[in-house]
Amino acid sequence: MRVKLPLAIATILFSLSNSHSVSAVTSHELHSPDNRIHVTVRIDKRINYDVRVNDKLLLENSTISMDVDHHTLGKDAKVD
């Protein structure tokens, strides 16, 4: 089964983001239904994430953001 990781990760990460600041780092663990894919999301001033597939680290401390109408989503993020 081929998983479109970039689209899935972007969807998950942006669903967690907001444009307000936060004073402490929050961390979230996400897992695929078959438990093969693990994503760790850390939210501070930026959204950073790690991706593991079958316990093999594919991405580490990656940062994600998106510019929409000159407003940066993912900057000064927080989870409500």
C-alpha atoms as a PDB file:
ATOM      1  CA  MET A   1       0.000   0.000   0.000  1.00  0.00           C
ATOM      2  CA  ARG A   2       1.463   3.345  -1.043  1.00  0.00           C
ATOM      3  CA  VAL A   3       0.864   6.202   1.387  1.00  0.00           C
ATOM      4  CA  LYS A   4       1.035   9.818   0.208  1.00  0.00           C
ATOM      5  CA  LEU A   5       2.967  11.010   3.263  1.00  0.00           C
ATOM      6  CA  PRO A   6       3.527  14.694   2.358  1.00  0.00           C
ATOM      7  CA  LEU A   7      -0.183  15.367   1.830  1.00  0.00           C
ATOM      8  CA  ALA A   8      -1.221  13.390   4.901  1.00  0.00           C
ATOM      9  CA  ILE A   9       1.394  15.087   7.086  1.00  0.00           C
ATOM     10  CA  ALA A  10       0.502  18.569   5.838  1.00  0.00           C
ATOM     11  CA  THR A  11      -3.191  17.951   6.478  1.00  0.00           C
ATOM     12  CA  ILE A  12      -2.563  16.704  10.014  1.00  0.00           C
ATOM     13  CA  LEU A  13      -0.084  19.410  10.921  1.00  0.00           C
ATOM     14  CA  PHE A  14      -2.151  22.319   9.653  1.00  0.00           C
ATOM     15  CA  SER A  15      -5.209  20.985  11.427  1.00  0.00           C
ATOM     16  CA  LEU A  16      -3.194  21.351  14.641  1.00  0.00           C
ATOM     17  CA  SER A  17      -1.945  24.884  13.955  1.00  0.00           C
ATOM     18  CA  ASN A  18      -3.295  28.274  14.949  1.00  0.00           C
ATOM     19  CA  SER A  19      -1.863  31.777  14.623  1.00  0.00           C
ATOM     20  CA  HIS A  20      -1.499  32.524  18.356  1.00  0.00           C
ATOM     21  CA  SER A  21       1.678  32.202  20.385  1.00  0.00           C
ATOM     22  CA  VAL A  22       2.242  29.712  23.178  1.00  0.00           C
ATOM     23  CA  SER A  23       4.801  29.679  25.972  1.00  0.00           C
ATOM     24  CA  ALA A  24       5.442  25.924  26.235  1.00  0.00           C
ATOM     25  CA  VAL A  25       6.197  23.281  23.645  1.00  0.00           C
ATOM     26  CA  THR A  26       3.352  20.836  23.127  1.00  0.00           C
ATOM     27  CA  SER A  27       3.926  17.421  21.610  1.00  0.00           C
ATOM     28  CA  HIS A  28       1.496  15.070  19.862  1.00  0.00           C
ATOM     29  CA  GLU A  29       1.894  11.487  18.671  1.00  0.00           C
ATOM     30  CA  LEU A  30       0.024  10.295  15.584  1.00  0.00           C
ATOM     31  CA  HIS A  31      -0.057   6.698  14.313  1.00  0.00           C
ATOM     32  CA  SER A  32      -1.393   5.063  11.175  1.00  0.00           C
ATOM     33  CA  PRO A  33      -4.186   2.493  11.680  1.00  0.00           C
ATOM     34  CA  ASP A  34      -1.727  -0.381  11.096  1.00  0.00           C
ATOM     35  CA  ASN A  35       0.820   1.289  13.442  1.00  0.00           C
ATOM     36  CA  ARG A  36       3.537   1.297  10.765  1.00  0.00           C
ATOM     37  CA  ILE A  37       3.735   5.103  10.487  1.00  0.00           C
ATOM     38  CA  HIS A  38       4.442   7.248  13.537  1.00  0.00           C
ATOM     39  CA  VAL A  39       4.477  11.040  13.419  1.00  0.00           C
ATOM     40  CA  THR A  40       5.624  13.150  16.369  1.00  0.00           C
ATOM     41  CA  VAL A  41       4.514  16.775  16.135  1.00  0.00           C
ATOM     42  CA  ARG A  42       6.037  19.470  18.350  1.00  0.00           C
ATOM     43  CA  ILE A  43       4.363  22.867  18.440  1.00  0.00           C
ATOM     44  CA  ASP A  44       6.236  25.921  19.673  1.00  0.00           C
ATOM     45  CA  LYS A  45       7.038  29.045  17.666  1.00  0.00           C
ATOM     46  CA  ARG A  46       7.121  26.713  14.650  1.00  0.00           C
ATOM     47  CA  ILE A  47       5.584  23.332  13.892  1.00  0.00           C
ATOM     48  CA  ASN A  48       8.258  20.620  13.803  1.00  0.00           C
ATOM     49  CA  TYR A  49       7.717  16.929  13.177  1.00  0.00           C
ATOM     50  CA  ASP A  50       9.455  13.553  12.906  1.00  0.00           C
ATOM     51  CA  VAL A  51       8.246  10.688  10.737  1.00  0.00           C
ATOM     52  CA  ARG A  52       9.059   7.008  11.300  1.00  0.00           C
ATOM     53  CA  VAL A  53       7.946   4.161   9.047  1.00  0.00           C
ATOM     54  CA  ASN A  54       8.452   0.644  10.389  1.00  0.00           C
ATOM     55  CA  ASP A  55      10.594   2.198  13.156  1.00  0.00           C
ATOM     56  CA  LYS A  56      12.965   3.703  10.560  1.00  0.00           C
ATOM     57  CA  LEU A  57      13.430   7.469  10.938  1.00  0.00           C
ATOM     58  CA  LEU A  58      12.580   9.163   7.614  1.00  0.00           C
ATOM     59  CA  LEU A  59      12.291  12.811   8.666  1.00  0.00           C
ATOM     60  CA  GLU A  60      13.666  14.391  11.818  1.00  0.00           C
ATOM     61  CA  ASN A  61      12.945  17.836  13.209  1.00  0.00           C
ATOM     62  CA  SER A  62      11.335  19.011   9.958  1.00  0.00           C
ATOM     63  CA  THR A  63       9.552  22.366   9.969  1.00  0.00           C
ATOM     64  CA  ILE A  64       6.316  23.089   8.140  1.00  0.00           C
ATOM     65  CA  SER A  65       4.545  26.353   7.325  1.00  0.00           C
ATOM     66  CA  MET A  66       2.451  27.782   4.497  1.00  0.00           C
ATOM     67  CA  ASP A  67       1.932  31.314   3.196  1.00  0.00           C
ATOM     68  CA  VAL A  68      -1.725  32.111   2.470  1.00  0.00           C
ATOM     69  CA  ASP A  69      -2.484  35.656   1.328  1.00  0.00           C
ATOM     70  CA  HIS A  70       0.759  36.869   2.972  1.00  0.00           C
ATOM     71  CA  HIS A  71      -0.196  35.276   6.298  1.00  0.00           C
ATOM     72  CA  THR A  72       2.107  32.489   7.468  1.00  0.00           C
ATOM     73  CA  LEU A  73       0.253  29.477   8.843  1.00  0.00           C
ATOM     74  CA  GLY A  74       2.415  27.462  11.199  1.00  0.00           C
ATOM     75  CA  LYS A  75       4.275  30.463  12.668  1.00  0.00           C
ATOM     76  CA  ASP A  76       3.659  31.110  16.391  1.00  0.00           C
ATOM     77  CA  ALA A  77       1.376  28.081  16.412  1.00  0.00           C
ATOM     78  CA  LYS A  78      -0.595  26.600  19.293  1.00  0.00           C
ATOM     79  CA  VAL A  79      -3.178  23.905  19.889  1.00  0.00           C
ATOM     80  CA  ASP A  80      -6.387  24.884  21.680  1.00  0.00           C
END
